[in-house]
C-alpha atoms as a PDB file:
ATOM      1  CA  MET A   1      18.578   8.883 -51.737  1.00  0.00           C
ATOM      2  CA  ALA A   2      18.300   5.799 -49.608  1.00  0.00           C
ATOM      3  CA  ARG A   3      21.145   3.359 -50.023  1.00  0.00           C
ATOM      4  CA  GLY A   4      19.781   0.617 -47.771  1.00  0.00           C
ATOM      5  CA  PHE A   5      21.666   1.844 -44.730  1.00  0.00           C
ATOM      6  CA  LYS A   6      21.774   4.938 -42.555  1.00  0.00           C
ATOM      7  CA  THR A   7      23.926   7.706 -43.972  1.00  0.00           C
ATOM      8  CA  GLY A   8      23.485  10.555 -41.489  1.00  0.00           C
ATOM      9  CA  GLY A   9      21.531  11.974 -38.571  1.00  0.00           C
ATOM     10  CA  ARG A  10      21.580  10.836 -34.955  1.00  0.00           C
ATOM     11  CA  LYS A  11      23.252   7.595 -33.983  1.00  0.00           C
ATOM     12  CA  THR A  12      20.957   4.806 -32.844  1.00  0.00           C
ATOM     13  CA  GLY A  13      20.187   5.043 -29.134  1.00  0.00           C
ATOM     14  CA  SER A  14      21.372   8.637 -28.730  1.00  0.00           C
ATOM     15  CA  LYS A  15      19.058  11.165 -27.075  1.00  0.00           C
ATOM     16  CA  ASN A  16      17.539  14.080 -28.978  1.00  0.00           C
ATOM     17  CA  ARG A  17      18.199  17.707 -28.037  1.00  0.00           C
ATOM     18  CA  ARG A  18      14.935  18.134 -26.111  1.00  0.00           C
ATOM     19  CA  THR A  19      15.599  15.065 -23.924  1.00  0.00           C
ATOM     20  CA  GLN A  20      19.142  16.256 -23.199  1.00  0.00           C
ATOM     21  CA  GLU A  21      17.873  19.713 -22.198  1.00  0.00           C
ATOM     22  CA  LEU A  22      15.177  18.189 -19.965  1.00  0.00           C
ATOM     23  CA  GLU A  23      17.697  15.946 -18.193  1.00  0.00           C
ATOM     24  CA  ALA A  24      20.052  18.902 -17.666  1.00  0.00           C
ATOM     25  CA  ALA A  25      17.213  21.022 -16.227  1.00  0.00           C
ATOM     26  CA  THR A  26      16.163  18.174 -13.896  1.00  0.00           C
ATOM     27  CA  ALA A  27      19.728  17.710 -12.658  1.00  0.00           C
ATOM     28  CA  ASN A  28      20.044  21.479 -12.089  1.00  0.00           C
ATOM     29  CA  ALA A  29      16.754  21.575 -10.129  1.00  0.00           C
ATOM     30  CA  ALA A  30      17.837  18.601  -7.989  1.00  0.00           C
ATOM     31  CA  LYS A  31      21.145  20.356  -7.267  1.00  0.00           C
ATOM     32  CA  GLN A  32      19.337  23.546  -6.209  1.00  0.00           C
ATOM     33  CA  ILE A  33      16.947  21.591  -3.953  1.00  0.00           C
ATOM     34  CA  SER A  34      19.868  19.731  -2.356  1.00  0.00           C
ATOM     35  CA  GLU A  35      21.638  23.012  -1.650  1.00  0.00           C
ATOM     36  CA  ALA A  36      18.488  24.559  -0.171  1.00  0.00           C
ATOM     37  CA  LEU A  37      17.713  21.545   2.026  1.00  0.00           C
ATOM     38  CA  GLY A  38      21.252  20.815   3.063  1.00  0.00           C
ATOM     39  CA  VAL A  39      20.685  17.095   2.469  1.00  0.00           C
ATOM     40  CA  PRO A  40      21.201  14.989  -0.644  1.00  0.00           C
ATOM     41  CA  PHE A  41      18.104  14.874  -2.839  1.00  0.00           C
ATOM     42  CA  ASP A  42      17.642  11.914  -5.174  1.00  0.00           C
ATOM     43  CA  GLY A  43      14.660  13.363  -7.056  1.00  0.00           C
ATOM     44  CA  ASP A  44      11.975  11.411  -5.214  1.00  0.00           C
ATOM     45  CA  ALA A  45       8.946  13.507  -4.170  1.00  0.00           C
ATOM     46  CA  HIS A  46       8.431  11.436  -1.043  1.00  0.00           C
ATOM     47  CA  ALA A  47      12.071  11.967  -0.035  1.00  0.00           C
ATOM     48  CA  LEU A  48      11.588  15.712  -0.456  1.00  0.00           C
ATOM     49  CA  LEU A  49       8.479  15.698   1.749  1.00  0.00           C
ATOM     50  CA  MET A  50      10.288  13.638   4.386  1.00  0.00           C
ATOM     51  CA  ALA A  51      13.264  16.011   4.350  1.00  0.00           C
ATOM     52  CA  ILE A  52      10.934  18.973   4.865  1.00  0.00           C
ATOM     53  CA  TYR A  53       8.856  17.577   7.730  1.00  0.00           C
ATOM     54  CA  LYS A  54      11.895  16.192   9.556  1.00  0.00           C
ATOM     55  CA  ASP A  55      13.778  19.509   9.388  1.00  0.00           C
ATOM     56  CA  THR A  56      13.176  21.236  12.735  1.00  0.00           C
ATOM     57  CA  ALA A  57      14.481  24.568  11.396  1.00  0.00           C
ATOM     58  CA  LYS A  58      11.459  24.910   9.075  1.00  0.00           C
ATOM     59  CA  PRO A  59       8.198  26.517  10.306  1.00  0.00           C
ATOM     60  CA  ILE A  60       5.742  24.079  11.863  1.00  0.00           C
ATOM     61  CA  GLU A  61       2.986  24.966   9.352  1.00  0.00           C
ATOM     62  CA  LEU A  62       5.216  23.938   6.435  1.00  0.00           C
ATOM     63  CA  ARG A  63       6.263  20.773   8.236  1.00  0.00           C
ATOM     64  CA  LEU A  64       2.635  19.828   8.939  1.00  0.00           C
ATOM     65  CA  ASP A  65       1.637  20.358   5.311  1.00  0.00           C
ATOM     66  CA  ALA A  66       4.532  18.173   4.153  1.00  0.00           C
ATOM     67  CA  ALA A  67       3.618  15.486   6.694  1.00  0.00           C
ATOM     68  CA  LYS A  68      -0.016  15.513   5.532  1.00  0.00           C
ATOM     69  CA  ALA A  69       1.067  15.019   1.939  1.00  0.00           C
ATOM     70  CA  ALA A  70       3.587  12.282   2.798  1.00  0.00           C
ATOM     71  CA  ILE A  71       1.357  10.217   5.091  1.00  0.00           C
ATOM     72  CA  ARG A  72      -0.391   8.502   2.160  1.00  0.00           C
ATOM     73  CA  PHE A  73       2.956   7.100   1.024  1.00  0.00           C
ATOM     74  CA  GLU A  74       4.014   5.897   4.461  1.00  0.00           C
ATOM     75  CA  LYS A  75       0.821   4.395   5.893  1.00  0.00           C
ATOM     76  CA  PRO A  76      -1.976   2.813   3.859  1.00  0.00           C
ATOM     77  CA  ALA A  77      -5.350   4.494   4.151  1.00  0.00           C
ATOM     78  CA  LEU A  78      -8.157   2.486   5.688  1.00  0.00           C
ATOM     79  CA  SER A  79     -10.863   1.639   3.219  1.00  0.00           C
ATOM     80  CA  SER A  80     -14.522   1.647   4.066  1.00  0.00           C
ATOM     81  CA  VAL A  81     -16.118  -1.777   4.137  1.00  0.00           C
ATOM     82  CA  ASP A  82     -19.722  -2.163   3.110  1.00  0.00           C
ATOM     83  CA  SER A  83     -21.352  -5.128   4.829  1.00  0.00           C
ATOM     84  CA  THR A  84     -24.405  -5.818   2.692  1.00  0.00           C
ATOM     85  CA  GLY A  85     -23.952  -9.570   2.379  1.00  0.00           C
ATOM     86  CA  GLU A  86     -26.120 -11.969   4.299  1.00  0.00           C
ATOM     87  CA  VAL A  87     -24.483 -14.088   6.961  1.00  0.00           C
ATOM     88  CA  VAL A  88     -25.407 -17.743   6.692  1.00  0.00           C
ATOM     89  CA  HIS A  89     -25.216 -19.661   9.962  1.00  0.00           C
ATOM     90  CA  ARG A  90     -24.862 -23.409   9.759  1.00  0.00           C
ATOM     91  CA  TYR A  91     -25.470 -25.596  12.762  1.00  0.00           C
ATOM     92  CA  VAL A  92     -25.055 -29.279  13.457  1.00  0.00           C
ATOM     93  CA  ALA A  93     -27.426 -30.859  15.960  1.00  0.00           C
ATOM     94  CA  ARG A  94     -26.831 -34.277  17.456  1.00  0.00           C
ATOM     95  CA  LEU A  95     -30.061 -36.104  18.115  1.00  0.00           C
ATOM     96  CA  PRO A  96     -30.275 -39.056  20.469  1.00  0.00           C
ATOM     97  CA  GLU A  97     -30.492 -42.512  19.045  1.00  0.00           C
ATOM     98  CA  LYS A  98     -33.943 -43.809  18.293  1.00  0.00           C
ATOM     99  CA  VAL A  99     -35.373 -46.058  20.966  1.00  0.00           C
ATOM    100  CA  GLY A 100     -38.397 -48.309  20.713  1.00  0.00           C
ATOM    101  CA  THR A 101     -39.730 -48.345  24.277  1.00  0.00           C
ATOM    102  CA  THR A 102     -39.678 -46.085  27.303  1.00  0.00           C
ATOM    103  CA  ASP A 103     -37.765 -48.685  29.283  1.00  0.00           C
ATOM    104  CA  GLU A 104     -34.911 -48.564  26.725  1.00  0.00           C
ATOM    105  CA  TRP A 105     -34.956 -44.777  26.821  1.00  0.00           C
ATOM    106  CA  GLN A 106     -34.834 -44.756  30.602  1.00  0.00           C
ATOM    107  CA  LYS A 107     -31.844 -47.126  30.558  1.00  0.00           C
ATOM    108  CA  GLN A 108     -29.998 -44.727  28.223  1.00  0.00           C
ATOM    109  CA  HIS A 109     -30.901 -41.419  29.871  1.00  0.00           C
ATOM    110  CA  ALA A 110     -31.933 -42.039  33.433  1.00  0.00           C
ATOM    111  CA  PRO A 111     -29.656 -40.776  36.194  1.00  0.00           C
ATOM    112  CA  GLN A 112     -27.495 -43.417  37.719  1.00  0.00           C
ATOM    113  CA  THR A 113     -26.988 -43.701  41.414  1.00  0.00           C
ATOM    114  CA  ILE A 114     -23.495 -44.092  42.687  1.00  0.00           C
ATOM    115  CA  GLN A 115     -23.049 -46.478  45.548  1.00  0.00           C
END
């Protein structure tokens, strides 16, 4: 019967049996990978791919496959750009000042002789 407090079972914050087994299996797999590669392996997939394609003792086909898989993590892929928008050009035109007579216009715009 419930007494208002916990009387048995797992302690709060402790991991269940399945989680403990999974962590042990992951640590064992990382240890085996580290031994096979000869370099420390921290469990990162990208680090594994880098270790494979940088290892010159491995066959070139395996190294190329690892490099192809790792390239997406190292360099961003270019995205296609669809240019369907209309380009709006805006211009500013300066018009000459308004003049009343041709004599005034000629004074403003006529070529001047240099003496």
